[in-house]
Amino acid sequence: MENESLNQGPVIDNNPTGPVGNDKLYSILAYIGILWLIGLLAAPEKDHAFTKNHVNNGIVLCIAGIVVNIIPVLGQLCALVIFVFAIMGIVAAAQDKEFSIPVIGDKIKIVK
């Protein structure tokens, strides 16, 4: 008895949630300063949920980094926290996992 699933050919997912193509690269770059723009503008990866998740986190961390540089009192501590979140995001993207910034990640959605 043959396995019929072997004869069906590849399954194509039109709305991928995991990394496809250059998704992983763009997701990692999203956590490095303003390089989130590459993932936001790169076609067709800009429409993938995996890339959107990491680009959104990159935008939030970039905005937080700018705000932290304006406020000198909290600057050093907050900059360290932002750096740690960026490293956590890079590791999650490299391991093909979704990542949400602790505390604020689920509340702030810039890229929909």
PDB file of N, CA and C in Angstrom:
ATOM      1  N   MET A   1       0.844  -1.178   0.000  1.00  0.00           N
ATOM      2  CA  MET A   1       0.000   0.000   0.000  1.00  0.00           C
ATOM      3  C   MET A   1       0.887   1.237   0.000  1.00  0.00           C
ATOM      4  N   GLU A   2       0.690   2.098  -0.987  1.00  0.00           N
ATOM      5  CA  GLU A   2       1.512   3.297  -1.103  1.00  0.00           C
ATOM      6  C   GLU A   2       0.988   4.409  -0.218  1.00  0.00           C
ATOM      7  N   ASN A   3       1.908   5.234   0.201  1.00  0.00           N
ATOM      8  CA  ASN A   3       1.533   6.416   0.974  1.00  0.00           C
ATOM      9  C   ASN A   3       1.131   7.513  -0.008  1.00  0.00           C
ATOM     10  N   GLU A   4      -0.137   7.897  -0.005  1.00  0.00           N
ATOM     11  CA  GLU A   4      -0.635   8.863  -0.973  1.00  0.00           C
ATOM     12  C   GLU A   4      -0.067  10.266  -0.769  1.00  0.00           C
ATOM     13  N   SER A   5       0.343  10.603   0.433  1.00  0.00           N
ATOM     14  CA  SER A   5       0.860  11.945   0.685  1.00  0.00           C
ATOM     15  C   SER A   5       2.186  12.197  -0.031  1.00  0.00           C
ATOM     16  N   LEU A   6       2.925  11.131  -0.363  1.00  0.00           N
ATOM     17  CA  LEU A   6       4.188  11.305  -1.066  1.00  0.00           C
ATOM     18  C   LEU A   6       3.977  11.717  -2.512  1.00  0.00           C
ATOM     19  N   ASN A   7       2.835  11.436  -3.083  1.00  0.00           N
ATOM     20  CA  ASN A   7       2.571  11.719  -4.483  1.00  0.00           C
ATOM     21  C   ASN A   7       1.890  13.065  -4.708  1.00  0.00           C
ATOM     22  N   GLN A   8       1.612  13.805  -3.673  1.00  0.00           N
ATOM     23  CA  GLN A   8       0.867  15.050  -3.810  1.00  0.00           C
ATOM     24  C   GLN A   8       1.735  16.237  -4.189  1.00  0.00           C
ATOM     25  N   GLY A   9       3.013  16.189  -4.019  1.00  0.00           N
ATOM     26  CA  GLY A   9       3.887  17.316  -4.330  1.00  0.00           C
ATOM     27  C   GLY A   9       3.998  18.253  -3.148  1.00  0.00           C
ATOM     28  N   PRO A  10       4.700  19.358  -3.337  1.00  0.00           N
ATOM     29  CA  PRO A  10       4.926  20.279  -2.220  1.00  0.00           C
ATOM     30  C   PRO A  10       3.652  21.033  -1.842  1.00  0.00           C
ATOM     31  N   VAL A  11       3.540  21.304  -0.562  1.00  0.00           N
ATOM     32  CA  VAL A  11       2.430  22.099  -0.057  1.00  0.00           C
ATOM     33  C   VAL A  11       2.904  23.539   0.025  1.00  0.00           C
ATOM     34  N   ILE A  12       2.164  24.443  -0.592  1.00  0.00           N
ATOM     35  CA  ILE A  12       2.538  25.853  -0.606  1.00  0.00           C
ATOM     36  C   ILE A  12       1.624  26.602   0.340  1.00  0.00           C
ATOM     37  N   ASP A  13       2.235  27.330   1.272  1.00  0.00           N
ATOM     38  CA  ASP A  13       1.489  28.114   2.249  1.00  0.00           C
ATOM     39  C   ASP A  13       1.518  29.570   1.799  1.00  0.00           C
ATOM     40  N   ASN A  14       0.357  30.138   1.485  1.00  0.00           N
ATOM     41  CA  ASN A  14       0.291  31.517   1.014  1.00  0.00           C
ATOM     42  C   ASN A  14       0.444  32.539   2.119  1.00  0.00           C
ATOM     43  N   ASN A  15       0.301  32.145   3.363  1.00  0.00           N
ATOM     44  CA  ASN A  15       0.438  33.061   4.492  1.00  0.00           C
ATOM     45  C   ASN A  15       1.343  32.424   5.536  1.00  0.00           C
ATOM     46  N   PRO A  16       2.631  32.366   5.260  1.00  0.00           N
ATOM     47  CA  PRO A  16       3.531  31.670   6.178  1.00  0.00           C
ATOM     48  C   PRO A  16       3.703  32.421   7.494  1.00  0.00           C
ATOM     49  N   THR A  17       3.814  31.658   8.583  1.00  0.00           N
ATOM     50  CA  THR A  17       4.053  32.275   9.883  1.00  0.00           C
ATOM     51  C   THR A  17       5.499  32.090  10.314  1.00  0.00           C
ATOM     52  N   GLY A  18       6.159  31.074   9.833  1.00  0.00           N
ATOM     53  CA  GLY A  18       7.562  30.853  10.138  1.00  0.00           C
ATOM     54  C   GLY A  18       8.435  31.502   9.085  1.00  0.00           C
ATOM     55  N   PRO A  19       9.738  31.407   9.234  1.00  0.00           N
ATOM     56  CA  PRO A  19      10.639  32.061   8.284  1.00  0.00           C
ATOM     57  C   PRO A  19      10.635  31.370   6.922  1.00  0.00           C
ATOM     58  N   VAL A  20      10.558  32.173   5.872  1.00  0.00           N
ATOM     59  CA  VAL A  20      10.603  31.696   4.495  1.00  0.00           C
ATOM     60  C   VAL A  20      11.558  32.619   3.746  1.00  0.00           C
ATOM     61  N   GLY A  21      12.418  32.061   2.943  1.00  0.00           N
ATOM     62  CA  GLY A  21      13.345  32.885   2.168  1.00  0.00           C
ATOM     63  C   GLY A  21      14.301  33.651   3.071  1.00  0.00           C
ATOM     64  N   ASN A  22      14.305  34.964   2.936  1.00  0.00           N
ATOM     65  CA  ASN A  22      15.207  35.820   3.703  1.00  0.00           C
ATOM     66  C   ASN A  22      14.578  36.349   4.990  1.00  0.00           C
ATOM     67  N   ASP A  23      13.472  35.758   5.426  1.00  0.00           N
ATOM     68  CA  ASP A  23      12.799  36.223   6.639  1.00  0.00           C
ATOM     69  C   ASP A  23      13.735  36.268   7.846  1.00  0.00           C
ATOM     70  N   LYS A  24      14.524  35.229   8.014  1.00  0.00           N
ATOM     71  CA  LYS A  24      15.408  35.161   9.175  1.00  0.00           C
ATOM     72  C   LYS A  24      16.421  36.300   9.153  1.00  0.00           C
ATOM     73  N   LEU A  25      16.999  36.570   7.994  1.00  0.00           N
ATOM     74  CA  LEU A  25      17.975  37.652   7.864  1.00  0.00           C
ATOM     75  C   LEU A  25      17.348  39.001   8.198  1.00  0.00           C
ATOM     76  N   TYR A  26      16.194  39.291   7.600  1.00  0.00           N
ATOM     77  CA  TYR A  26      15.530  40.569   7.845  1.00  0.00           C
ATOM     78  C   TYR A  26      15.068  40.697   9.290  1.00  0.00           C
ATOM     79  N   SER A  27      14.690  39.573   9.896  1.00  0.00           N
ATOM     80  CA  SER A  27      14.260  39.596  11.290  1.00  0.00           C
ATOM     81  C   SER A  27      15.423  39.879  12.228  1.00  0.00           C
ATOM     82  N   ILE A  28      16.576  39.341  11.928  1.00  0.00           N
ATOM     83  CA  ILE A  28      17.765  39.613  12.745  1.00  0.00           C
ATOM     84  C   ILE A  28      18.200  41.070  12.569  1.00  0.00           C
ATOM     85  N   LEU A  29      18.188  41.556  11.337  1.00  0.00           N
ATOM     86  CA  LEU A  29      18.594  42.938  11.083  1.00  0.00           C
ATOM     87  C   LEU A  29      17.651  43.944  11.743  1.00  0.00           C
ATOM     88  N   ALA A  30      16.408  43.552  11.973  1.00  0.00           N
ATOM     89  CA  ALA A  30      15.423  44.461  12.557  1.00  0.00           C
ATOM     90  C   ALA A  30      15.833  44.953  13.939  1.00  0.00           C
ATOM     91  N   TYR A  31      16.658  44.207  14.631  1.00  0.00           N
ATOM     92  CA  TYR A  31      17.069  44.574  15.989  1.00  0.00           C
ATOM     93  C   TYR A  31      18.338  45.421  16.015  1.00  0.00           C
ATOM     94  N   ILE A  32      18.897  45.739  14.861  1.00  0.00           N
ATOM     95  CA  ILE A  32      20.138  46.501  14.799  1.00  0.00           C
ATOM     96  C   ILE A  32      19.839  47.915  14.306  1.00  0.00           C
ATOM     97  N   GLY A  33      19.607  48.804  15.241  1.00  0.00           N
ATOM     98  CA  GLY A  33      19.362  50.208  14.920  1.00  0.00           C
ATOM     99  C   GLY A  33      18.228  50.413  13.937  1.00  0.00           C
ATOM    100  N   ILE A  34      18.490  51.199  12.923  1.00  0.00           N
ATOM    101  CA  ILE A  34      17.463  51.557  11.945  1.00  0.00           C
ATOM    102  C   ILE A  34      17.348  50.526  10.818  1.00  0.00           C
ATOM    103  N   LEU A  35      18.080  49.443  10.904  1.00  0.00           N
ATOM    104  CA  LEU A  35      18.032  48.416   9.870  1.00  0.00           C
ATOM    105  C   LEU A  35      16.689  47.688   9.806  1.00  0.00           C
ATOM    106  N   TRP A  36      15.778  47.983  10.723  1.00  0.00           N
ATOM    107  CA  TRP A  36      14.430  47.419  10.638  1.00  0.00           C
ATOM    108  C   TRP A  36      13.744  47.880   9.353  1.00  0.00           C
ATOM    109  N   LEU A  37      14.209  48.984   8.787  1.00  0.00           N
ATOM    110  CA  LEU A  37      13.644  49.476   7.530  1.00  0.00           C
ATOM    111  C   LEU A  37      13.800  48.461   6.395  1.00  0.00           C
ATOM    112  N   ILE A  38      14.875  47.702   6.411  1.00  0.00           N
ATOM    113  CA  ILE A  38      15.094  46.705   5.363  1.00  0.00           C
ATOM    114  C   ILE A  38      13.989  45.659   5.398  1.00  0.00           C
ATOM    115  N   GLY A  39      13.678  45.153   6.580  1.00  0.00           N
ATOM    116  CA  GLY A  39      12.602  44.172   6.712  1.00  0.00           C
ATOM    117  C   GLY A  39      11.234  44.750   6.437  1.00  0.00           C
ATOM    118  N   LEU A  40      11.082  46.036   6.710  1.00  0.00           N
ATOM    119  CA  LEU A  40       9.795  46.692   6.476  1.00  0.00           C
ATOM    120  C   LEU A  40       9.545  46.923   4.986  1.00  0.00           C
ATOM    121  N   LEU A  41      10.606  47.140   4.229  1.00  0.00           N
ATOM    122  CA  LEU A  41      10.452  47.491   2.818  1.00  0.00           C
ATOM    123  C   LEU A  41      10.747  46.346   1.848  1.00  0.00           C
ATOM    124  N   ALA A  42      11.375  45.278   2.312  1.00  0.00           N
ATOM    125  CA  ALA A  42      11.784  44.190   1.423  1.00  0.00           C
ATOM    126  C   ALA A  42      10.582  43.349   1.000  1.00  0.00           C
ATOM    127  N   ALA A  43      10.414  43.191  -0.294  1.00  0.00           N
ATOM    128  CA  ALA A  43       9.320  42.367  -0.804  1.00  0.00           C
ATOM    129  C   ALA A  43       9.877  41.004  -1.174  1.00  0.00           C
ATOM    130  N   PRO A  44       9.189  39.924  -1.009  1.00  0.00           N
ATOM    131  CA  PRO A  44       7.846  39.754  -0.460  1.00  0.00           C
ATOM    132  C   PRO A  44       7.832  39.521   1.049  1.00  0.00           C
ATOM    133  N   GLU A  45       9.017  39.530   1.676  1.00  0.00           N
ATOM    134  CA  GLU A  45       9.110  39.200   3.091  1.00  0.00           C
ATOM    135  C   GLU A  45       8.360  40.172   3.993  1.00  0.00           C
ATOM    136  N   LYS A  46       8.139  41.392   3.540  1.00  0.00           N
ATOM    137  CA  LYS A  46       7.467  42.380   4.379  1.00  0.00           C
ATOM    138  C   LYS A  46       6.036  41.984   4.717  1.00  0.00           C
ATOM    139  N   ASP A  47       5.466  41.059   3.970  1.00  0.00           N
ATOM    140  CA  ASP A  47       4.096  40.617   4.216  1.00  0.00           C
ATOM    141  C   ASP A  47       4.011  39.361   5.068  1.00  0.00           C
ATOM    142  N   HIS A  48       5.135  38.798   5.461  1.00  0.00           N
ATOM    143  CA  HIS A  48       5.123  37.581   6.274  1.00  0.00           C
ATOM    144  C   HIS A  48       4.998  37.927   7.755  1.00  0.00           C
ATOM    145  N   ALA A  49       4.183  37.157   8.458  1.00  0.00           N
ATOM    146  CA  ALA A  49       3.932  37.413   9.880  1.00  0.00           C
ATOM    147  C   ALA A  49       5.214  37.331  10.701  1.00  0.00           C
ATOM    148  N   PHE A  50       6.105  36.408  10.371  1.00  0.00           N
ATOM    149  CA  PHE A  50       7.355  36.245  11.119  1.00  0.00           C
ATOM    150  C   PHE A  50       8.193  37.518  11.047  1.00  0.00           C
ATOM    151  N   THR A  51       8.346  38.057   9.837  1.00  0.00           N
ATOM    152  CA  THR A  51       9.131  39.275   9.656  1.00  0.00           C
ATOM    153  C   THR A  51       8.444  40.466  10.303  1.00  0.00           C
ATOM    154  N   LYS A  52       7.126  40.565  10.148  1.00  0.00           N
ATOM    155  CA  LYS A  52       6.384  41.682  10.743  1.00  0.00           C
ATOM    156  C   LYS A  52       6.557  41.722  12.256  1.00  0.00           C
ATOM    157  N   ASN A  53       6.531  40.549  12.895  1.00  0.00           N
ATOM    158  CA  ASN A  53       6.696  40.479  14.350  1.00  0.00           C
ATOM    159  C   ASN A  53       8.039  41.059  14.772  1.00  0.00           C
ATOM    160  N   HIS A  54       9.102  40.646  14.113  1.00  0.00           N
ATOM    161  CA  HIS A  54      10.436  41.104  14.501  1.00  0.00           C
ATOM    162  C   HIS A  54      10.689  42.552  14.089  1.00  0.00           C
ATOM    163  N   VAL A  55      10.146  42.979  12.957  1.00  0.00           N
ATOM    164  CA  VAL A  55      10.280  44.380  12.542  1.00  0.00           C
ATOM    165  C   VAL A  55       9.552  45.284  13.526  1.00  0.00           C
ATOM    166  N   ASN A  56       8.370  44.864  13.971  1.00  0.00           N
ATOM    167  CA  ASN A  56       7.637  45.653  14.968  1.00  0.00           C
ATOM    168  C   ASN A  56       8.452  45.810  16.243  1.00  0.00           C
ATOM    169  N   ASN A  57       9.054  44.725  16.704  1.00  0.00           N
ATOM    170  CA  ASN A  57       9.893  44.795  17.900  1.00  0.00           C
ATOM    171  C   ASN A  57      11.100  45.709  17.667  1.00  0.00           C
ATOM    172  N   GLY A  58      11.698  45.633  16.481  1.00  0.00           N
ATOM    173  CA  GLY A  58      12.839  46.489  16.164  1.00  0.00           C
ATOM    174  C   GLY A  58      12.465  47.963  16.172  1.00  0.00           C
ATOM    175  N   ILE A  59      11.285  48.285  15.645  1.00  0.00           N
ATOM    176  CA  ILE A  59      10.825  49.678  15.646  1.00  0.00           C
ATOM    177  C   ILE A  59      10.617  50.166  17.074  1.00  0.00           C
ATOM    178  N   VAL A  60       9.970  49.340  17.901  1.00  0.00           N
ATOM    179  CA  VAL A  60       9.724  49.718  19.296  1.00  0.00           C
ATOM    180  C   VAL A  60      11.039  49.943  20.031  1.00  0.00           C
ATOM    181  N   LEU A  61      12.017  49.050  19.838  1.00  0.00           N
ATOM    182  CA  LEU A  61      13.308  49.209  20.511  1.00  0.00           C
ATOM    183  C   LEU A  61      14.070  50.427  19.980  1.00  0.00           C
ATOM    184  N   CYS A  62      13.949  50.720  18.701  1.00  0.00           N
ATOM    185  CA  CYS A  62      14.613  51.900  18.128  1.00  0.00           C
ATOM    186  C   CYS A  62      14.019  53.183  18.714  1.00  0.00           C
ATOM    187  N   ILE A  63      12.703  53.245  18.794  1.00  0.00           N
ATOM    188  CA  ILE A  63      12.042  54.414  19.386  1.00  0.00           C
ATOM    189  C   ILE A  63      12.423  54.539  20.858  1.00  0.00           C
ATOM    190  N   ALA A  64      12.447  53.418  21.569  1.00  0.00           N
ATOM    191  CA  ALA A  64      12.836  53.438  22.980  1.00  0.00           C
ATOM    192  C   ALA A  64      14.279  53.917  23.132  1.00  0.00           C
ATOM    193  N   GLY A  65      15.156  53.505  22.231  1.00  0.00           N
ATOM    194  CA  GLY A  65      16.543  53.947  22.280  1.00  0.00           C
ATOM    195  C   GLY A  65      16.682  55.446  22.076  1.00  0.00           C
ATOM    196  N   ILE A  66      15.884  56.000  21.178  1.00  0.00           N
ATOM    197  CA  ILE A  66      15.905  57.449  20.948  1.00  0.00           C
ATOM    198  C   ILE A  66      15.402  58.190  22.177  1.00  0.00           C
ATOM    199  N   VAL A  67      14.309  57.706  22.766  1.00  0.00           N
ATOM    200  CA  VAL A  67      13.747  58.342  23.961  1.00  0.00           C
ATOM    201  C   VAL A  67      14.734  58.273  25.121  1.00  0.00           C
ATOM    202  N   VAL A  68      15.402  57.142  25.272  1.00  0.00           N
ATOM    203  CA  VAL A  68      16.368  56.972  26.360  1.00  0.00           C
ATOM    204  C   VAL A  68      17.525  57.955  26.214  1.00  0.00           C
ATOM    205  N   ASN A  69      17.939  58.236  24.988  1.00  0.00           N
ATOM    206  CA  ASN A  69      19.027  59.191  24.786  1.00  0.00           C
ATOM    207  C   ASN A  69      18.612  60.620  25.090  1.00  0.00           C
ATOM    208  N   ILE A  70      17.332  60.908  25.046  1.00  0.00           N
ATOM    209  CA  ILE A  70      16.834  62.245  25.379  1.00  0.00           C
ATOM    210  C   ILE A  70      16.766  62.434  26.883  1.00  0.00           C
ATOM    211  N   ILE A  71      16.443  61.368  27.608  1.00  0.00           N
ATOM    212  CA  ILE A  71      16.313  61.434  29.072  1.00  0.00           C
ATOM    213  C   ILE A  71      17.617  60.931  29.697  1.00  0.00           C
ATOM    214  N   PRO A  72      18.482  61.824  30.165  1.00  0.00           N
ATOM    215  CA  PRO A  72      19.795  61.406  30.647  1.00  0.00           C
ATOM    216  C   PRO A  72      19.782  60.632  31.967  1.00  0.00           C
ATOM    217  N   VAL A  73      18.792  60.841  32.813  1.00  0.00           N
ATOM    218  CA  VAL A  73      18.778  60.201  34.131  1.00  0.00           C
ATOM    219  C   VAL A  73      18.649  58.686  34.019  1.00  0.00           C
ATOM    220  N   LEU A  74      17.756  58.228  33.172  1.00  0.00           N
ATOM    221  CA  LEU A  74      17.521  56.789  33.032  1.00  0.00           C
ATOM    222  C   LEU A  74      18.337  56.163  31.912  1.00  0.00           C
ATOM    223  N   GLY A  75      19.098  56.973  31.231  1.00  0.00           N
ATOM    224  CA  GLY A  75      19.801  56.550  30.028  1.00  0.00           C
ATOM    225  C   GLY A  75      20.594  55.276  30.131  1.00  0.00           C
ATOM    226  N   GLN A  76      21.500  55.173  31.079  1.00  0.00           N
ATOM    227  CA  GLN A  76      22.391  54.014  31.163  1.00  0.00           C
ATOM    228  C   GLN A  76      21.637  52.718  31.447  1.00  0.00           C
ATOM    229  N   LEU A  77      20.753  52.744  32.430  1.00  0.00           N
ATOM    230  CA  LEU A  77      20.010  51.536  32.805  1.00  0.00           C
ATOM    231  C   LEU A  77      19.064  51.108  31.686  1.00  0.00           C
ATOM    232  N   CYS A  78      18.329  52.042  31.139  1.00  0.00           N
ATOM    233  CA  CYS A  78      17.378  51.716  30.079  1.00  0.00           C
ATOM    234  C   CYS A  78      18.088  51.263  28.815  1.00  0.00           C
ATOM    235  N   ALA A  79      19.225  51.850  28.509  1.00  0.00           N
ATOM    236  CA  ALA A  79      19.987  51.435  27.331  1.00  0.00           C
ATOM    237  C   ALA A  79      20.437  49.981  27.474  1.00  0.00           C
ATOM    238  N   LEU A  80      20.812  49.594  28.668  1.00  0.00           N
ATOM    239  CA  LEU A  80      21.210  48.211  28.918  1.00  0.00           C
ATOM    240  C   LEU A  80      20.024  47.267  28.739  1.00  0.00           C
ATOM    241  N   VAL A  81      18.867  47.650  29.224  1.00  0.00           N
ATOM    242  CA  VAL A  81      17.654  46.835  29.084  1.00  0.00           C
ATOM    243  C   VAL A  81      17.283  46.702  27.607  1.00  0.00           C
ATOM    244  N   ILE A  82      17.361  47.787  26.859  1.00  0.00           N
ATOM    245  CA  ILE A  82      17.059  47.752  25.428  1.00  0.00           C
ATOM    246  C   ILE A  82      18.041  46.839  24.698  1.00  0.00           C
ATOM    247  N   PHE A  83      19.307  46.909  25.069  1.00  0.00           N
ATOM    248  CA  PHE A  83      20.321  46.049  24.468  1.00  0.00           C
ATOM    249  C   PHE A  83      20.018  44.575  24.740  1.00  0.00           C
ATOM    250  N   VAL A  84      19.639  44.258  25.964  1.00  0.00           N
ATOM    251  CA  VAL A  84      19.306  42.874  26.325  1.00  0.00           C
ATOM    252  C   VAL A  84      18.092  42.395  25.525  1.00  0.00           C
ATOM    253  N   PHE A  85      17.064  43.229  25.389  1.00  0.00           N
ATOM    254  CA  PHE A  85      15.891  42.860  24.600  1.00  0.00           C
ATOM    255  C   PHE A  85      16.262  42.641  23.137  1.00  0.00           C
ATOM    256  N   ALA A  86      17.165  43.455  22.605  1.00  0.00           N
ATOM    257  CA  ALA A  86      17.611  43.289  21.223  1.00  0.00           C
ATOM    258  C   ALA A  86      18.334  41.957  21.046  1.00  0.00           C
ATOM    259  N   ILE A  87      19.181  41.607  21.980  1.00  0.00           N
ATOM    260  CA  ILE A  87      19.885  40.318  21.921  1.00  0.00           C
ATOM    261  C   ILE A  87      18.889  39.168  22.011  1.00  0.00           C
ATOM    262  N   MET A  88      17.898  39.293  22.892  1.00  0.00           N
ATOM    263  CA  MET A  88      16.866  38.253  23.004  1.00  0.00           C
ATOM    264  C   MET A  88      16.110  38.105  21.679  1.00  0.00           C
ATOM    265  N   GLY A  89      15.817  39.213  21.025  1.00  0.00           N
ATOM    266  CA  GLY A  89      15.124  39.174  19.748  1.00  0.00           C
ATOM    267  C   GLY A  89      15.964  38.548  18.651  1.00  0.00           C
ATOM    268  N   ILE A  90      17.242  38.878  18.614  1.00  0.00           N
ATOM    269  CA  ILE A  90      18.140  38.296  17.612  1.00  0.00           C
ATOM    270  C   ILE A  90      18.238  36.788  17.794  1.00  0.00           C
ATOM    271  N   VAL A  91      18.358  36.344  19.028  1.00  0.00           N
ATOM    272  CA  VAL A  91      18.439  34.908  19.311  1.00  0.00           C
ATOM    273  C   VAL A  91      17.142  34.212  18.898  1.00  0.00           C
ATOM    274  N   ALA A  92      15.997  34.821  19.217  1.00  0.00           N
ATOM    275  CA  ALA A  92      14.706  34.226  18.843  1.00  0.00           C
ATOM    276  C   ALA A  92      14.566  34.155  17.326  1.00  0.00           C
ATOM    277  N   ALA A  93      14.957  35.201  16.621  1.00  0.00           N
ATOM    278  CA  ALA A  93      14.867  35.198  15.156  1.00  0.00           C
ATOM    279  C   ALA A  93      15.794  34.142  14.561  1.00  0.00           C
ATOM    280  N   ALA A  94      16.984  34.002  15.116  1.00  0.00           N
ATOM    281  CA  ALA A  94      17.936  33.011  14.619  1.00  0.00           C
ATOM    282  C   ALA A  94      17.442  31.584  14.850  1.00  0.00           C
ATOM    283  N   GLN A  95      16.621  31.400  15.886  1.00  0.00           N
ATOM    284  CA  GLN A  95      16.071  30.084  16.188  1.00  0.00           C
ATOM    285  C   GLN A  95      14.681  29.881  15.589  1.00  0.00           C
ATOM    286  N   ASP A  96      14.275  30.759  14.676  1.00  0.00           N
ATOM    287  CA  ASP A  96      12.982  30.676  13.988  1.00  0.00           C
ATOM    288  C   ASP A  96      11.794  30.746  14.935  1.00  0.00           C
ATOM    289  N   LYS A  97      11.902  31.558  15.975  1.00  0.00           N
ATOM    290  CA  LYS A  97      10.827  31.700  16.956  1.00  0.00           C
ATOM    291  C   LYS A  97      10.253  33.106  16.926  1.00  0.00           C
ATOM    292  N   GLU A  98       8.978  33.206  17.243  1.00  0.00           N
ATOM    293  CA  GLU A  98       8.352  34.511  17.426  1.00  0.00           C
ATOM    294  C   GLU A  98       8.879  35.087  18.734  1.00  0.00           C
ATOM    295  N   PHE A  99       8.911  36.411  18.840  1.00  0.00           N
ATOM    296  CA  PHE A  99       9.412  37.054  20.052  1.00  0.00           C
ATOM    297  C   PHE A  99       8.554  38.263  20.348  1.00  0.00           C
ATOM    298  N   SER A 100       8.249  38.443  21.603  1.00  0.00           N
ATOM    299  CA  SER A 100       7.506  39.610  22.052  1.00  0.00           C
ATOM    300  C   SER A 100       8.304  40.264  23.169  1.00  0.00           C
ATOM    301  N   ILE A 101       8.512  41.561  23.049  1.00  0.00           N
ATOM    302  CA  ILE A 101       9.268  42.285  24.066  1.00  0.00           C
ATOM    303  C   ILE A 101       8.505  42.187  25.386  1.00  0.00           C
ATOM    304  N   PRO A 102       9.162  41.782  26.466  1.00  0.00           N
ATOM    305  CA  PRO A 102       8.470  41.669  27.750  1.00  0.00           C
ATOM    306  C   PRO A 102       7.792  42.975  28.162  1.00  0.00           C
ATOM    307  N   VAL A 103       6.658  42.883  28.739  1.00  0.00           N
ATOM    308  CA  VAL A 103       5.835  43.953  29.288  1.00  0.00           C
ATOM    309  C   VAL A 103       5.108  44.753  28.196  1.00  0.00           C
ATOM    310  N   ILE A 104       5.814  45.270  27.197  1.00  0.00           N
ATOM    311  CA  ILE A 104       5.173  46.151  26.226  1.00  0.00           C
ATOM    312  C   ILE A 104       4.989  45.527  24.854  1.00  0.00           C
ATOM    313  N   GLY A 105       5.580  44.405  24.591  1.00  0.00           N
ATOM    314  CA  GLY A 105       5.570  43.831  23.255  1.00  0.00           C
ATOM    315  C   GLY A 105       4.204  43.526  22.691  1.00  0.00           C
ATOM    316  N   ASP A 106       3.283  43.043  23.520  1.00  0.00           N
ATOM    317  CA  ASP A 106       1.951  42.703  23.044  1.00  0.00           C
ATOM    318  C   ASP A 106       1.041  43.929  22.949  1.00  0.00           C
ATOM    319  N   LYS A 107       1.406  44.996  23.590  1.00  0.00           N
ATOM    320  CA  LYS A 107       0.551  46.175  23.642  1.00  0.00           C
ATOM    321  C   LYS A 107       0.808  47.162  22.511  1.00  0.00           C
ATOM    322  N   ILE A 108       2.017  47.177  21.979  1.00  0.00           N
ATOM    323  CA  ILE A 108       2.384  48.137  20.945  1.00  0.00           C
ATOM    324  C   ILE A 108       2.542  47.403  19.618  1.00  0.00           C
ATOM    325  N   LYS A 109       1.652  47.675  18.680  1.00  0.00           N
ATOM    326  CA  LYS A 109       1.734  47.095  17.344  1.00  0.00           C
ATOM    327  C   LYS A 109       1.818  48.234  16.334  1.00  0.00           C
ATOM    328  N   ILE A 110       2.983  48.471  15.797  1.00  0.00           N
ATOM    329  CA  ILE A 110       3.197  49.526  14.823  1.00  0.00           C
ATOM    330  C   ILE A 110       2.981  48.977  13.411  1.00  0.00           C
ATOM    331  N   VAL A 111       3.503  47.790  13.143  1.00  0.00           N
ATOM    332  CA  VAL A 111       3.351  47.138  11.851  1.00  0.00           C
ATOM    333  C   VAL A 111       2.237  46.118  11.986  1.00  0.00           C
ATOM    334  N   LYS A 112       1.206  46.267  11.167  1.00  0.00           N
ATOM    335  CA  LYS A 112       0.065  45.332  11.251  1.00  0.00           C
ATOM    336  C   LYS A 112      -0.019  44.471  10.034  1.00  0.00           C
TER     337      LYS A 112
END
